[in-house]
Amino acid sequence: MADAEPTEERIDETTTWPDLAISLYDRLTGRGAEIIYEFEDMEVEVPSGTGEDAEHARWRLDGELRVSTEERD
């Protein structure tokens, strides 16, 4: 039985959460979509550079981060 859906319309199989997030964002971008991430007591250490001796700032996230997109003419 042949697939009725064209290849370019299929969602590629993802194997990691970051791949899934990127795929979802790519599909929604430019379509008036809004993605809402909710964080509860999440801490991220952000490096000041790429070297081994880079200092890190600690960011604490507690709440929502909204990412919105819209089509432009």
C-alpha atoms as a PDB file:
ATOM      1  CA  MET A   1       0.000   0.000   0.000  1.00  0.00           C
ATOM      2  CA  ALA A   2       1.508   3.360  -1.050  1.00  0.00           C
ATOM      3  CA  ASP A   3       1.732   6.340   1.306  1.00  0.00           C
ATOM      4  CA  ALA A   4      -0.914   8.951   0.488  1.00  0.00           C
ATOM      5  CA  GLU A   5       1.141  11.719   2.103  1.00  0.00           C
ATOM      6  CA  PRO A   6       3.964  13.288   0.042  1.00  0.00           C
ATOM      7  CA  THR A   7       7.472  12.840   1.443  1.00  0.00           C
ATOM      8  CA  GLU A   8       7.952  16.587   2.116  1.00  0.00           C
ATOM      9  CA  GLU A   9       4.761  16.621   4.235  1.00  0.00           C
ATOM     10  CA  ARG A  10       5.902  13.864   6.580  1.00  0.00           C
ATOM     11  CA  ILE A  11       7.392  14.633   9.968  1.00  0.00           C
ATOM     12  CA  ASP A  12      10.794  12.987  10.204  1.00  0.00           C
ATOM     13  CA  GLU A  13      11.211  10.561  13.061  1.00  0.00           C
ATOM     14  CA  THR A  14      13.004  12.239  15.949  1.00  0.00           C
ATOM     15  CA  THR A  15      15.097  10.509  18.554  1.00  0.00           C
ATOM     16  CA  THR A  16      15.788  13.308  21.066  1.00  0.00           C
ATOM     17  CA  TRP A  17      13.770  16.028  22.800  1.00  0.00           C
ATOM     18  CA  PRO A  18      15.859  18.839  21.223  1.00  0.00           C
ATOM     19  CA  ASP A  19      15.217  17.381  17.738  1.00  0.00           C
ATOM     20  CA  LEU A  20      11.498  17.253  18.494  1.00  0.00           C
ATOM     21  CA  ALA A  21      11.460  20.874  19.699  1.00  0.00           C
ATOM     22  CA  ILE A  22      13.366  22.078  16.618  1.00  0.00           C
ATOM     23  CA  SER A  23      11.074  20.145  14.273  1.00  0.00           C
ATOM     24  CA  LEU A  24       7.957  21.511  15.964  1.00  0.00           C
ATOM     25  CA  TYR A  25       9.248  25.101  15.922  1.00  0.00           C
ATOM     26  CA  ASP A  26      10.237  24.812  12.229  1.00  0.00           C
ATOM     27  CA  ARG A  27       6.733  23.618  11.337  1.00  0.00           C
ATOM     28  CA  LEU A  28       4.998  26.396  13.317  1.00  0.00           C
ATOM     29  CA  THR A  29       7.230  29.330  12.393  1.00  0.00           C
ATOM     30  CA  GLY A  30       5.432  31.806  10.168  1.00  0.00           C
ATOM     31  CA  ARG A  31       1.984  30.412  10.883  1.00  0.00           C
ATOM     32  CA  GLY A  32       0.918  32.689  13.713  1.00  0.00           C
ATOM     33  CA  ALA A  33       1.947  30.049  16.227  1.00  0.00           C
ATOM     34  CA  GLU A  34       2.784  30.528  19.875  1.00  0.00           C
ATOM     35  CA  ILE A  35       4.864  28.060  21.859  1.00  0.00           C
ATOM     36  CA  ILE A  36       4.763  28.340  25.650  1.00  0.00           C
ATOM     37  CA  TYR A  37       7.460  26.764  27.810  1.00  0.00           C
ATOM     38  CA  GLU A  38       6.836  26.491  31.547  1.00  0.00           C
ATOM     39  CA  PHE A  39       9.723  26.221  34.001  1.00  0.00           C
ATOM     40  CA  GLU A  40       9.642  25.465  37.696  1.00  0.00           C
ATOM     41  CA  ASP A  41      12.829  26.198  39.654  1.00  0.00           C
ATOM     42  CA  MET A  42      15.094  25.468  36.677  1.00  0.00           C
ATOM     43  CA  GLU A  43      18.719  26.580  36.937  1.00  0.00           C
ATOM     44  CA  VAL A  44      21.025  27.018  33.958  1.00  0.00           C
ATOM     45  CA  GLU A  45      24.734  27.805  34.118  1.00  0.00           C
ATOM     46  CA  VAL A  46      25.568  30.092  31.197  1.00  0.00           C
ATOM     47  CA  PRO A  47      29.270  30.228  30.235  1.00  0.00           C
ATOM     48  CA  SER A  48      31.019  33.536  29.535  1.00  0.00           C
ATOM     49  CA  GLY A  49      32.993  31.903  26.707  1.00  0.00           C
ATOM     50  CA  THR A  50      33.948  28.616  25.107  1.00  0.00           C
ATOM     51  CA  GLY A  51      37.231  27.911  26.880  1.00  0.00           C
ATOM     52  CA  GLU A  52      37.740  25.406  29.686  1.00  0.00           C
ATOM     53  CA  ASP A  53      38.288  28.222  32.187  1.00  0.00           C
ATOM     54  CA  ALA A  54      35.110  30.128  31.272  1.00  0.00           C
ATOM     55  CA  GLU A  55      33.185  31.579  34.179  1.00  0.00           C
ATOM     56  CA  HIS A  56      29.512  30.726  34.512  1.00  0.00           C
ATOM     57  CA  ALA A  57      26.527  32.836  35.476  1.00  0.00           C
ATOM     58  CA  ARG A  58      23.667  30.985  37.130  1.00  0.00           C
ATOM     59  CA  TRP A  59      20.252  31.834  35.690  1.00  0.00           C
ATOM     60  CA  ARG A  60      17.120  30.721  37.510  1.00  0.00           C
ATOM     61  CA  LEU A  61      13.898  30.297  35.544  1.00  0.00           C
ATOM     62  CA  ASP A  62      10.540  30.026  37.231  1.00  0.00           C
ATOM     63  CA  GLY A  63       7.515  30.823  35.092  1.00  0.00           C
ATOM     64  CA  GLU A  64       6.631  31.003  31.416  1.00  0.00           C
ATOM     65  CA  LEU A  65       8.621  31.792  28.307  1.00  0.00           C
ATOM     66  CA  ARG A  66       6.452  32.544  25.261  1.00  0.00           C
ATOM     67  CA  VAL A  67       7.763  32.301  21.712  1.00  0.00           C
ATOM     68  CA  SER A  68       5.420  33.784  19.107  1.00  0.00           C
ATOM     69  CA  THR A  69       5.619  33.909  15.331  1.00  0.00           C
ATOM     70  CA  GLU A  70       3.531  35.526  12.631  1.00  0.00           C
ATOM     71  CA  GLU A  71       3.560  35.678   8.860  1.00  0.00           C
ATOM     72  CA  ARG A  72       4.711  38.892   7.207  1.00  0.00           C
ATOM     73  CA  ASP A  73       3.798  40.023   3.721  1.00  0.00           C
END
